[in-house]
């Protein structure tokens, strides 16, 4: 197998942290795809993932699994201990629900704003202040909900670390990378982010 990745891409980072949390050292090659120079758009890479995105897990038969959640679920089936997406159907559904909420309503909106604001993307997208305003407003509503949802817990869902915590961390790690800090009013989100940042899966 081969894992096609890029070390600072949030969804690729999600898999790295997930594997570290599980304590899994996988016997396969990790191939860095340099997104900054456009290697993801090469014909060679698009044969592996026609969407031109990382991460991608290429299996022994040459077929590929796209999308971070699908790759993580694949590994979770093979390496069930320690479970990171819940221990029963109800818990798995709830953890994946909040993980998808973070991914789609916060991370995706952050990406939309970046595409319309950062010089890196200036030649790829027609910039629109309306799109920026929409994404910012939608993200703010999601942040309000998530902060209330977390409450006084130490983790995003339940009483132990899960995939939802990893998704929250990589989302706001990316925000810092983009020089966009978490608003101080989101105390519960900030607490979870800062706590997870100290874990060995991140620092090791």
N, C-alpha and C. Protein backbone atom coordinates (compact mmCIF):
# COMPACT_ATOMS: atom_id res chain seq x y z
N UNK A 1 0.83 -1.20 0.00
CA UNK A 1 0.00 0.00 0.00
C UNK A 1 0.87 1.25 0.00
N UNK A 2 0.28 2.34 -0.49
CA UNK A 2 0.93 3.64 -0.44
C UNK A 2 -0.08 4.68 0.05
N UNK A 3 0.39 5.55 0.92
CA UNK A 3 -0.44 6.67 1.36
C UNK A 3 0.11 7.94 0.73
N UNK A 4 -0.67 8.57 -0.12
CA UNK A 4 -0.28 9.82 -0.75
C UNK A 4 -0.77 10.96 0.15
N UNK A 5 0.17 11.82 0.53
CA UNK A 5 -0.13 12.79 1.57
C UNK A 5 0.61 14.10 1.31
N UNK A 6 0.36 15.08 2.16
CA UNK A 6 1.13 16.33 2.19
C UNK A 6 1.09 16.80 3.63
N UNK A 7 2.25 16.92 4.25
CA UNK A 7 2.32 16.98 5.72
C UNK A 7 1.54 18.12 6.36
N UNK A 8 1.32 19.23 5.64
CA UNK A 8 0.58 20.34 6.26
C UNK A 8 -0.88 20.41 5.81
N UNK A 9 -1.31 19.53 4.91
CA UNK A 9 -2.71 19.52 4.48
C UNK A 9 -3.56 18.97 5.62
N UNK A 10 -4.62 19.67 6.02
CA UNK A 10 -5.37 19.26 7.22
C UNK A 10 -5.93 17.86 7.17
N UNK A 11 -6.48 17.42 6.05
CA UNK A 11 -7.06 16.08 6.00
C UNK A 11 -6.00 14.99 5.99
N UNK A 12 -4.84 15.28 5.42
CA UNK A 12 -3.72 14.35 5.49
C UNK A 12 -3.17 14.31 6.92
N UNK A 13 -3.10 15.47 7.53
CA UNK A 13 -2.64 15.57 8.93
C UNK A 13 -3.58 14.79 9.85
N UNK A 14 -4.86 14.81 9.53
CA UNK A 14 -5.85 14.08 10.33
C UNK A 14 -5.50 12.60 10.40
N UNK A 15 -5.10 12.03 9.26
CA UNK A 15 -4.76 10.61 9.24
C UNK A 15 -3.49 10.34 10.03
N UNK A 16 -2.48 11.21 9.90
CA UNK A 16 -1.24 11.03 10.65
C UNK A 16 -1.50 11.03 12.15
N UNK A 17 -2.30 11.99 12.62
CA UNK A 17 -2.60 12.07 14.05
C UNK A 17 -3.44 10.87 14.48
N UNK A 18 -4.39 10.47 13.66
CA UNK A 18 -5.21 9.29 13.96
C UNK A 18 -4.32 8.06 14.15
N UNK A 19 -3.41 7.82 13.23
CA UNK A 19 -2.52 6.65 13.34
C UNK A 19 -1.65 6.75 14.59
N UNK A 20 -1.18 7.95 14.91
CA UNK A 20 -0.38 8.15 16.13
C UNK A 20 -1.21 7.85 17.38
N UNK A 21 -2.46 8.32 17.39
CA UNK A 21 -3.34 8.06 18.53
C UNK A 21 -3.55 6.55 18.72
N UNK A 22 -3.67 5.83 17.63
CA UNK A 22 -3.88 4.38 17.69
C UNK A 22 -2.60 3.62 18.01
N UNK A 23 -1.46 4.28 17.86
CA UNK A 23 -0.19 3.61 18.06
C UNK A 23 0.14 2.65 16.94
N UNK A 24 -0.33 2.97 15.73
CA UNK A 24 -0.14 2.08 14.58
C UNK A 24 1.05 2.56 13.75
N UNK A 25 1.97 1.67 13.51
CA UNK A 25 3.07 1.92 12.56
C UNK A 25 2.81 1.01 11.36
N UNK A 26 2.41 1.60 10.27
CA UNK A 26 1.99 0.81 9.13
C UNK A 26 3.16 0.51 8.19
N UNK A 27 3.21 -0.72 7.71
CA UNK A 27 4.32 -1.14 6.84
C UNK A 27 4.09 -0.78 5.38
N UNK A 28 3.97 0.51 5.10
CA UNK A 28 3.84 0.90 3.71
C UNK A 28 4.46 2.28 3.50
N UNK A 29 4.60 2.62 2.25
CA UNK A 29 5.27 3.85 1.86
C UNK A 29 4.32 5.05 1.93
N UNK A 30 4.84 6.15 2.44
CA UNK A 30 4.10 7.42 2.39
C UNK A 30 4.75 8.29 1.33
N UNK A 31 3.94 8.74 0.38
CA UNK A 31 4.43 9.54 -0.74
C UNK A 31 3.94 10.97 -0.56
N UNK A 32 4.87 11.91 -0.46
CA UNK A 32 4.51 13.32 -0.32
C UNK A 32 4.16 13.90 -1.70
N UNK A 33 2.98 14.49 -1.78
CA UNK A 33 2.52 15.17 -3.00
C UNK A 33 2.57 16.66 -2.70
N UNK A 34 3.47 17.38 -3.34
CA UNK A 34 3.68 18.79 -3.03
C UNK A 34 2.55 19.63 -3.63
N UNK A 35 1.59 19.99 -2.77
CA UNK A 35 0.46 20.78 -3.23
C UNK A 35 0.86 22.20 -3.61
N UNK A 36 1.93 22.68 -3.02
CA UNK A 36 2.34 24.07 -3.26
C UNK A 36 2.86 24.29 -4.68
N UNK A 37 3.33 23.22 -5.30
CA UNK A 37 3.82 23.36 -6.68
C UNK A 37 2.87 22.69 -7.68
N UNK A 38 1.74 22.18 -7.17
CA UNK A 38 0.72 21.65 -8.06
C UNK A 38 0.88 20.21 -8.49
N UNK A 39 1.66 19.41 -7.72
CA UNK A 39 1.84 18.01 -8.11
C UNK A 39 0.54 17.23 -8.13
N UNK A 40 -0.45 17.70 -7.36
CA UNK A 40 -1.75 17.02 -7.31
C UNK A 40 -2.51 17.12 -8.62
N UNK A 41 -2.08 18.05 -9.48
CA UNK A 41 -2.76 18.25 -10.76
C UNK A 41 -2.11 17.50 -11.91
N UNK A 42 -1.05 16.75 -11.61
CA UNK A 42 -0.35 16.02 -12.67
C UNK A 42 -1.21 14.87 -13.17
N UNK A 43 -1.02 14.51 -14.42
CA UNK A 43 -1.76 13.39 -15.00
C UNK A 43 -1.49 12.10 -14.23
N UNK A 44 -0.26 11.94 -13.79
CA UNK A 44 0.11 10.74 -13.06
C UNK A 44 -0.68 10.62 -11.76
N UNK A 45 -0.78 11.73 -11.01
CA UNK A 45 -1.50 11.67 -9.75
C UNK A 45 -3.00 11.53 -9.98
N UNK A 46 -3.52 12.17 -11.01
CA UNK A 46 -4.97 12.10 -11.25
C UNK A 46 -5.42 10.72 -11.70
N UNK A 47 -4.49 9.86 -12.08
CA UNK A 47 -4.84 8.48 -12.32
C UNK A 47 -5.12 7.76 -11.00
N UNK A 48 -4.52 8.29 -9.92
CA UNK A 48 -4.71 7.73 -8.59
C UNK A 48 -5.95 8.33 -7.93
N UNK A 49 -6.08 9.66 -8.06
CA UNK A 49 -7.27 10.35 -7.57
C UNK A 49 -7.65 11.43 -8.57
N UNK A 50 -8.68 11.21 -9.37
CA UNK A 50 -9.05 12.18 -10.41
C UNK A 50 -9.48 13.53 -9.84
N UNK A 51 -9.77 13.58 -8.54
CA UNK A 51 -10.13 14.86 -7.91
C UNK A 51 -8.89 15.71 -7.61
N UNK A 52 -7.71 15.11 -7.70
CA UNK A 52 -6.49 15.85 -7.44
C UNK A 52 -6.36 16.30 -6.01
N UNK A 53 -6.70 15.41 -5.07
CA UNK A 53 -6.64 15.74 -3.65
C UNK A 53 -5.86 14.69 -2.87
N UNK A 54 -5.33 15.11 -1.73
CA UNK A 54 -4.76 14.18 -0.76
C UNK A 54 -5.58 14.31 0.51
N UNK A 55 -5.64 13.23 1.31
CA UNK A 55 -4.89 11.98 1.19
C UNK A 55 -5.58 10.97 0.27
N UNK A 56 -4.77 10.03 -0.18
CA UNK A 56 -5.26 8.88 -0.95
C UNK A 56 -4.51 7.65 -0.47
N UNK A 57 -5.25 6.59 -0.23
CA UNK A 57 -4.63 5.31 0.13
C UNK A 57 -4.74 4.39 -1.08
N UNK A 58 -3.59 4.03 -1.64
CA UNK A 58 -3.56 3.11 -2.78
C UNK A 58 -3.31 1.70 -2.27
N UNK A 59 -4.22 0.80 -2.60
CA UNK A 59 -4.14 -0.57 -2.10
C UNK A 59 -3.22 -1.42 -2.97
N UNK A 60 -2.98 -2.64 -2.51
CA UNK A 60 -2.05 -3.53 -3.21
C UNK A 60 -2.49 -3.84 -4.64
N UNK A 61 -3.80 -3.85 -4.88
CA UNK A 61 -4.29 -4.17 -6.23
C UNK A 61 -4.31 -2.95 -7.15
N UNK A 62 -3.81 -1.79 -6.64
CA UNK A 62 -3.75 -0.58 -7.45
C UNK A 62 -4.97 0.31 -7.32
N UNK A 63 -6.05 -0.20 -6.71
CA UNK A 63 -7.22 0.65 -6.49
C UNK A 63 -6.95 1.63 -5.35
N UNK A 64 -7.78 2.66 -5.25
CA UNK A 64 -7.53 3.72 -4.29
C UNK A 64 -8.75 4.03 -3.44
N UNK A 65 -8.49 4.45 -2.21
CA UNK A 65 -9.53 4.96 -1.32
C UNK A 65 -9.27 6.45 -1.14
N UNK A 66 -10.27 7.27 -1.46
CA UNK A 66 -10.15 8.72 -1.32
C UNK A 66 -10.85 9.17 -0.04
N UNK A 67 -10.57 10.37 0.35
CA UNK A 67 -11.22 11.05 1.48
C UNK A 67 -10.73 10.50 2.81
N UNK A 68 -10.40 11.43 3.70
CA UNK A 68 -9.80 11.06 4.98
C UNK A 68 -10.70 10.17 5.83
N UNK A 69 -12.00 10.49 5.89
CA UNK A 69 -12.89 9.68 6.72
C UNK A 69 -12.97 8.25 6.21
N UNK A 70 -13.04 8.06 4.91
CA UNK A 70 -13.11 6.71 4.35
C UNK A 70 -11.83 5.93 4.65
N UNK A 71 -10.70 6.60 4.55
CA UNK A 71 -9.42 5.94 4.85
C UNK A 71 -9.36 5.56 6.33
N UNK A 72 -9.78 6.46 7.19
CA UNK A 72 -9.77 6.19 8.63
C UNK A 72 -10.72 5.05 8.97
N UNK A 73 -11.89 5.02 8.37
CA UNK A 73 -12.83 3.93 8.63
C UNK A 73 -12.26 2.58 8.16
N UNK A 74 -11.51 2.61 7.06
CA UNK A 74 -10.84 1.40 6.58
C UNK A 74 -9.85 0.89 7.62
N UNK A 75 -9.01 1.80 8.13
CA UNK A 75 -8.03 1.41 9.15
C UNK A 75 -8.73 0.98 10.44
N UNK A 76 -9.83 1.63 10.77
CA UNK A 76 -10.55 1.30 12.00
C UNK A 76 -11.08 -0.13 11.96
N UNK A 77 -11.46 -0.60 10.77
CA UNK A 77 -11.92 -1.97 10.62
C UNK A 77 -10.77 -2.96 10.82
N UNK A 78 -9.61 -2.59 10.31
CA UNK A 78 -8.44 -3.49 10.39
C UNK A 78 -7.81 -3.46 11.77
N UNK A 79 -7.78 -2.27 12.37
CA UNK A 79 -7.16 -2.08 13.68
C UNK A 79 -8.21 -1.52 14.65
N UNK A 80 -9.09 -2.36 15.17
CA UNK A 80 -10.21 -1.86 15.98
C UNK A 80 -9.82 -1.31 17.35
N UNK A 81 -8.64 -1.65 17.83
CA UNK A 81 -8.20 -1.15 19.14
C UNK A 81 -7.17 -0.05 18.96
N UNK A 82 -7.22 1.04 19.64
CA UNK A 82 -8.26 1.56 20.51
C UNK A 82 -9.29 2.29 19.63
N UNK A 83 -10.61 2.05 19.82
CA UNK A 83 -11.60 2.65 18.91
C UNK A 83 -11.59 4.17 18.96
N UNK A 84 -11.58 4.79 17.77
CA UNK A 84 -11.57 6.25 17.67
C UNK A 84 -12.88 6.78 17.09
N UNK A 85 -13.78 5.87 16.67
CA UNK A 85 -15.06 6.31 16.13
C UNK A 85 -16.19 5.61 16.89
N UNK A 86 -16.01 5.43 18.17
CA UNK A 86 -17.08 4.87 18.99
C UNK A 86 -17.02 3.37 19.14
N UNK A 87 -17.70 2.88 20.17
CA UNK A 87 -17.67 1.46 20.51
C UNK A 87 -18.96 0.73 20.18
N UNK A 88 -19.99 1.46 19.74
CA UNK A 88 -21.26 0.84 19.39
C UNK A 88 -21.92 1.68 18.29
N UNK A 89 -22.94 1.17 17.62
CA UNK A 89 -23.53 1.90 16.50
C UNK A 89 -23.99 3.32 16.85
N UNK A 90 -24.62 3.48 18.01
CA UNK A 90 -25.10 4.81 18.39
C UNK A 90 -23.95 5.79 18.58
N UNK A 91 -22.92 5.35 19.29
CA UNK A 91 -21.77 6.22 19.54
C UNK A 91 -21.04 6.55 18.24
N UNK A 92 -20.90 5.55 17.35
CA UNK A 92 -20.23 5.81 16.07
C UNK A 92 -21.00 6.84 15.25
N UNK A 93 -22.31 6.70 15.22
CA UNK A 93 -23.12 7.65 14.46
C UNK A 93 -22.99 9.06 15.01
N UNK A 94 -22.99 9.19 16.32
CA UNK A 94 -22.90 10.52 16.95
C UNK A 94 -21.54 11.16 16.73
N UNK A 95 -20.48 10.37 16.86
CA UNK A 95 -19.14 10.91 16.67
C UNK A 95 -18.94 11.33 15.22
N UNK A 96 -19.41 10.50 14.28
CA UNK A 96 -19.28 10.86 12.87
C UNK A 96 -20.14 12.07 12.51
N UNK A 97 -21.27 12.21 13.18
CA UNK A 97 -22.12 13.38 12.93
C UNK A 97 -21.40 14.67 13.29
N UNK A 98 -20.80 14.72 14.47
CA UNK A 98 -20.13 15.96 14.89
C UNK A 98 -18.83 16.16 14.11
N UNK A 99 -18.17 15.06 13.75
CA UNK A 99 -16.95 15.17 12.93
C UNK A 99 -17.28 15.76 11.56
N UNK A 100 -18.36 15.29 10.96
CA UNK A 100 -18.77 15.83 9.66
C UNK A 100 -19.21 17.29 9.79
N UNK A 101 -19.86 17.63 10.90
CA UNK A 101 -20.27 19.00 11.14
C UNK A 101 -19.05 19.93 11.17
N UNK A 102 -18.02 19.52 11.89
CA UNK A 102 -16.79 20.31 11.94
C UNK A 102 -16.17 20.44 10.56
N UNK A 103 -16.14 19.32 9.84
CA UNK A 103 -15.53 19.30 8.51
C UNK A 103 -16.27 20.19 7.51
N UNK A 104 -17.60 20.08 7.49
CA UNK A 104 -18.37 20.74 6.45
C UNK A 104 -18.74 22.19 6.79
N UNK A 105 -19.01 22.46 8.06
CA UNK A 105 -19.50 23.79 8.43
C UNK A 105 -18.41 24.74 8.92
N UNK A 106 -17.28 24.19 9.34
CA UNK A 106 -16.20 25.05 9.84
C UNK A 106 -14.98 24.96 8.92
N UNK A 107 -14.45 23.76 8.74
CA UNK A 107 -13.27 23.61 7.88
C UNK A 107 -13.56 24.01 6.44
N UNK A 108 -14.66 23.55 5.89
CA UNK A 108 -14.96 23.87 4.49
C UNK A 108 -15.17 25.36 4.29
N UNK A 109 -15.81 26.02 5.24
CA UNK A 109 -16.00 27.46 5.13
C UNK A 109 -14.67 28.20 5.24
N UNK A 110 -13.78 27.67 6.07
CA UNK A 110 -12.44 28.25 6.17
C UNK A 110 -11.71 28.14 4.83
N UNK A 111 -11.86 26.98 4.18
CA UNK A 111 -11.25 26.79 2.88
C UNK A 111 -11.81 27.73 1.84
N UNK A 112 -13.12 27.94 1.87
CA UNK A 112 -13.76 28.86 0.93
C UNK A 112 -13.22 30.27 1.11
N UNK A 113 -13.10 30.71 2.36
CA UNK A 113 -12.56 32.05 2.61
C UNK A 113 -11.11 32.15 2.16
N UNK A 114 -10.33 31.11 2.42
CA UNK A 114 -8.93 31.12 2.00
C UNK A 114 -8.81 31.25 0.49
N UNK A 115 -9.65 30.52 -0.26
CA UNK A 115 -9.60 30.57 -1.72
C UNK A 115 -9.89 31.98 -2.26
N UNK A 116 -10.68 32.73 -1.52
CA UNK A 116 -11.06 34.06 -1.98
C UNK A 116 -10.24 35.18 -1.34
N UNK A 117 -9.32 34.82 -0.44
CA UNK A 117 -8.58 35.85 0.28
C UNK A 117 -7.06 35.74 0.15
N UNK A 118 -6.54 34.51 0.06
CA UNK A 118 -5.09 34.32 0.11
C UNK A 118 -4.44 34.54 -1.26
N UNK A 119 -3.29 35.20 -1.29
CA UNK A 119 -2.56 35.41 -2.55
C UNK A 119 -2.23 34.11 -3.28
N UNK A 120 -2.04 33.03 -2.51
CA UNK A 120 -1.71 31.73 -3.11
C UNK A 120 -2.73 31.30 -4.15
N UNK A 121 -4.01 31.67 -3.93
CA UNK A 121 -5.09 31.23 -4.80
C UNK A 121 -5.55 32.30 -5.78
N UNK A 122 -4.81 33.39 -5.84
CA UNK A 122 -5.28 34.55 -6.62
C UNK A 122 -5.48 34.24 -8.11
N UNK A 123 -4.68 33.33 -8.65
CA UNK A 123 -4.81 33.01 -10.07
C UNK A 123 -5.75 31.86 -10.36
N UNK A 124 -6.32 31.25 -9.30
CA UNK A 124 -7.14 30.06 -9.49
C UNK A 124 -8.63 30.32 -9.32
N UNK A 125 -8.97 31.37 -8.56
CA UNK A 125 -10.38 31.64 -8.26
C UNK A 125 -10.69 33.11 -8.48
N UNK A 126 -11.88 33.36 -9.00
CA UNK A 126 -12.37 34.73 -9.08
C UNK A 126 -12.83 35.14 -7.69
N UNK A 127 -12.25 36.18 -7.15
CA UNK A 127 -12.52 36.57 -5.78
C UNK A 127 -13.89 37.25 -5.65
N UNK A 128 -14.55 36.96 -4.54
CA UNK A 128 -15.88 37.52 -4.30
C UNK A 128 -16.04 37.84 -2.82
N UNK A 129 -16.27 39.10 -2.52
CA UNK A 129 -16.51 39.49 -1.14
C UNK A 129 -17.81 38.89 -0.62
N UNK A 130 -18.79 38.73 -1.50
CA UNK A 130 -20.05 38.12 -1.09
C UNK A 130 -19.84 36.68 -0.61
N UNK A 131 -18.99 35.95 -1.32
CA UNK A 131 -18.71 34.57 -0.93
C UNK A 131 -17.98 34.55 0.41
N UNK A 132 -17.04 35.45 0.58
CA UNK A 132 -16.31 35.54 1.86
C UNK A 132 -17.27 35.83 3.00
N UNK A 133 -18.15 36.78 2.81
CA UNK A 133 -19.11 37.15 3.86
C UNK A 133 -20.04 35.99 4.19
N UNK A 134 -20.49 35.28 3.14
CA UNK A 134 -21.37 34.13 3.35
C UNK A 134 -20.65 33.05 4.16
N UNK A 135 -19.43 32.71 3.77
CA UNK A 135 -18.68 31.66 4.45
C UNK A 135 -18.39 32.05 5.89
N UNK A 136 -18.05 33.31 6.11
CA UNK A 136 -17.74 33.77 7.46
C UNK A 136 -18.98 33.69 8.37
N UNK A 137 -20.13 34.09 7.84
CA UNK A 137 -21.37 34.05 8.62
C UNK A 137 -21.79 32.61 8.93
N UNK A 138 -21.68 31.75 7.93
CA UNK A 138 -22.06 30.34 8.12
C UNK A 138 -21.13 29.67 9.12
N UNK A 139 -19.84 29.98 9.03
CA UNK A 139 -18.88 29.40 9.97
C UNK A 139 -19.16 29.90 11.40
N UNK A 140 -19.49 31.18 11.55
CA UNK A 140 -19.76 31.74 12.87
C UNK A 140 -20.93 31.03 13.54
N UNK A 141 -21.98 30.75 12.78
CA UNK A 141 -23.13 30.02 13.33
C UNK A 141 -22.71 28.63 13.79
N UNK A 142 -21.88 27.98 12.99
CA UNK A 142 -21.41 26.64 13.35
C UNK A 142 -20.54 26.68 14.60
N UNK A 143 -19.70 27.70 14.71
CA UNK A 143 -18.83 27.85 15.88
C UNK A 143 -19.67 28.06 17.14
N UNK A 144 -20.71 28.88 17.03
CA UNK A 144 -21.60 29.11 18.17
C UNK A 144 -22.20 27.79 18.65
N UNK A 145 -22.69 26.99 17.68
CA UNK A 145 -23.30 25.72 18.03
C UNK A 145 -22.28 24.77 18.65
N UNK A 146 -21.12 24.65 18.03
CA UNK A 146 -20.11 23.70 18.50
C UNK A 146 -19.63 24.06 19.90
N UNK A 147 -19.43 25.33 20.18
CA UNK A 147 -18.98 25.75 21.51
C UNK A 147 -20.01 25.36 22.56
N UNK A 148 -21.29 25.57 22.25
CA UNK A 148 -22.36 25.16 23.17
C UNK A 148 -22.43 23.65 23.30
N UNK A 149 -22.24 22.96 22.20
CA UNK A 149 -22.31 21.50 22.19
C UNK A 149 -21.24 20.89 23.09
N UNK A 150 -20.03 21.43 23.04
CA UNK A 150 -18.92 20.91 23.85
C UNK A 150 -19.18 21.16 25.34
N UNK A 151 -19.70 22.34 25.66
CA UNK A 151 -19.97 22.66 27.05
C UNK A 151 -18.71 22.61 27.90
N UNK A 152 -18.81 21.97 29.07
CA UNK A 152 -17.66 21.92 29.97
C UNK A 152 -16.87 20.63 29.85
N UNK A 153 -17.13 19.86 28.79
CA UNK A 153 -16.40 18.61 28.61
C UNK A 153 -14.94 18.86 28.24
N UNK A 154 -14.12 17.85 28.46
CA UNK A 154 -12.71 17.91 28.07
C UNK A 154 -12.51 17.48 26.62
N UNK A 155 -13.53 16.80 26.06
CA UNK A 155 -13.44 16.30 24.69
C UNK A 155 -14.67 16.76 23.90
N UNK A 156 -14.55 16.72 22.58
CA UNK A 156 -15.64 17.19 21.74
C UNK A 156 -16.91 16.37 21.95
N UNK A 157 -16.74 15.05 22.06
CA UNK A 157 -17.90 14.16 22.27
C UNK A 157 -17.56 13.13 23.33
N UNK A 158 -18.41 13.00 24.31
CA UNK A 158 -18.19 11.98 25.33
C UNK A 158 -17.07 12.32 26.28
N UNK A 159 -16.51 11.26 26.90
CA UNK A 159 -15.51 11.45 27.95
C UNK A 159 -14.13 10.95 27.57
N UNK A 160 -13.89 10.77 26.26
CA UNK A 160 -12.55 10.37 25.83
C UNK A 160 -12.31 10.85 24.41
N UNK A 161 -11.05 10.80 24.02
CA UNK A 161 -10.65 11.33 22.71
C UNK A 161 -11.27 10.50 21.60
N UNK A 162 -11.64 11.18 20.52
CA UNK A 162 -12.23 10.50 19.36
C UNK A 162 -11.81 11.24 18.09
N UNK A 163 -12.29 10.73 16.97
CA UNK A 163 -12.00 11.37 15.69
C UNK A 163 -12.50 12.81 15.66
N UNK A 164 -13.57 13.10 16.39
CA UNK A 164 -14.09 14.47 16.43
C UNK A 164 -13.05 15.43 17.01
N UNK A 165 -12.28 15.00 17.99
CA UNK A 165 -11.23 15.84 18.57
C UNK A 165 -10.11 16.09 17.55
N UNK A 166 -9.78 15.05 16.79
CA UNK A 166 -8.74 15.21 15.77
C UNK A 166 -9.19 16.21 14.72
N UNK A 167 -10.43 16.10 14.28
CA UNK A 167 -10.94 17.03 13.26
C UNK A 167 -10.97 18.46 13.78
N UNK A 168 -11.39 18.63 15.03
CA UNK A 168 -11.38 19.98 15.60
C UNK A 168 -9.96 20.53 15.63
N UNK A 169 -9.01 19.69 16.07
CA UNK A 169 -7.63 20.16 16.17
C UNK A 169 -7.06 20.57 14.83
N UNK A 170 -7.17 19.72 13.81
CA UNK A 170 -6.56 20.05 12.52
C UNK A 170 -7.24 21.26 11.88
N UNK A 171 -8.53 21.44 12.16
CA UNK A 171 -9.24 22.60 11.64
C UNK A 171 -8.63 23.89 12.16
N UNK A 172 -8.42 23.95 13.47
CA UNK A 172 -7.92 25.19 14.04
C UNK A 172 -6.41 25.30 14.01
N UNK A 173 -5.73 24.17 13.83
CA UNK A 173 -4.30 24.23 13.52
C UNK A 173 -4.12 24.92 12.17
N UNK A 174 -4.98 24.57 11.22
CA UNK A 174 -4.94 25.21 9.92
C UNK A 174 -5.29 26.69 10.02
N UNK A 175 -6.23 27.02 10.91
CA UNK A 175 -6.59 28.43 11.11
C UNK A 175 -5.38 29.24 11.57
N UNK A 176 -4.61 28.67 12.49
CA UNK A 176 -3.40 29.35 12.96
C UNK A 176 -2.39 29.49 11.82
N UNK A 177 -2.28 28.44 11.00
CA UNK A 177 -1.38 28.47 9.86
C UNK A 177 -1.76 29.59 8.89
N UNK A 178 -3.07 29.84 8.79
CA UNK A 178 -3.57 30.91 7.93
C UNK A 178 -3.61 32.26 8.65
N UNK A 179 -3.02 32.28 9.87
CA UNK A 179 -2.98 33.51 10.69
C UNK A 179 -4.38 34.00 11.04
N UNK A 180 -5.26 33.04 11.31
CA UNK A 180 -6.62 33.35 11.74
C UNK A 180 -6.85 32.65 13.07
N UNK A 181 -6.68 33.36 14.16
CA UNK A 181 -6.79 32.75 15.49
C UNK A 181 -8.25 32.53 15.85
N UNK A 182 -8.49 31.62 16.82
CA UNK A 182 -9.83 31.35 17.30
C UNK A 182 -10.31 32.54 18.13
N UNK A 183 -11.51 33.00 17.87
CA UNK A 183 -12.10 34.09 18.65
C UNK A 183 -12.14 33.67 20.12
N UNK A 184 -11.67 34.54 21.00
CA UNK A 184 -11.57 34.21 22.43
C UNK A 184 -12.93 33.91 23.07
N UNK A 185 -14.02 34.30 22.42
CA UNK A 185 -15.33 34.03 23.02
C UNK A 185 -15.68 32.54 22.96
N UNK A 186 -15.00 31.79 22.11
CA UNK A 186 -15.25 30.35 21.99
C UNK A 186 -14.35 29.61 22.98
N UNK A 187 -14.69 29.71 24.25
CA UNK A 187 -13.82 29.19 25.30
C UNK A 187 -13.75 27.67 25.30
N UNK A 188 -14.84 27.02 24.99
CA UNK A 188 -14.85 25.55 25.02
C UNK A 188 -14.08 24.96 23.84
N UNK A 189 -14.24 25.56 22.67
CA UNK A 189 -13.47 25.14 21.50
C UNK A 189 -11.98 25.36 21.76
N UNK A 190 -11.64 26.53 22.30
CA UNK A 190 -10.24 26.85 22.59
C UNK A 190 -9.65 25.87 23.58
N UNK A 191 -10.41 25.53 24.62
CA UNK A 191 -9.92 24.60 25.64
C UNK A 191 -9.61 23.23 25.02
N UNK A 192 -10.53 22.73 24.20
CA UNK A 192 -10.31 21.43 23.56
C UNK A 192 -9.12 21.46 22.61
N UNK A 193 -9.00 22.54 21.86
CA UNK A 193 -7.89 22.67 20.92
C UNK A 193 -6.55 22.69 21.66
N UNK A 194 -6.45 23.52 22.69
CA UNK A 194 -5.18 23.66 23.42
C UNK A 194 -4.82 22.38 24.16
N UNK A 195 -5.83 21.67 24.67
CA UNK A 195 -5.57 20.40 25.35
C UNK A 195 -5.07 19.36 24.37
N UNK A 196 -5.71 19.26 23.21
CA UNK A 196 -5.30 18.24 22.24
C UNK A 196 -3.91 18.55 21.68
N UNK A 197 -3.58 19.82 21.57
CA UNK A 197 -2.27 20.22 21.02
C UNK A 197 -1.11 19.69 21.86
N UNK A 198 -1.37 19.30 23.11
CA UNK A 198 -0.33 18.81 24.01
C UNK A 198 -0.18 17.29 23.93
N UNK A 199 -1.05 16.63 23.19
CA UNK A 199 -1.00 15.17 23.13
C UNK A 199 0.21 14.68 22.34
N UNK A 200 0.69 13.51 22.70
CA UNK A 200 1.87 12.96 22.05
C UNK A 200 1.64 12.68 20.58
N UNK A 201 0.39 12.42 20.21
CA UNK A 201 0.07 12.17 18.79
C UNK A 201 0.35 13.40 17.93
N UNK A 202 0.36 14.57 18.56
CA UNK A 202 0.65 15.82 17.86
C UNK A 202 2.10 16.22 18.02
N UNK A 203 2.60 16.10 19.25
CA UNK A 203 3.94 16.62 19.56
C UNK A 203 5.06 15.62 19.32
N UNK A 204 4.72 14.32 19.29
CA UNK A 204 5.74 13.29 19.18
C UNK A 204 6.35 13.15 17.81
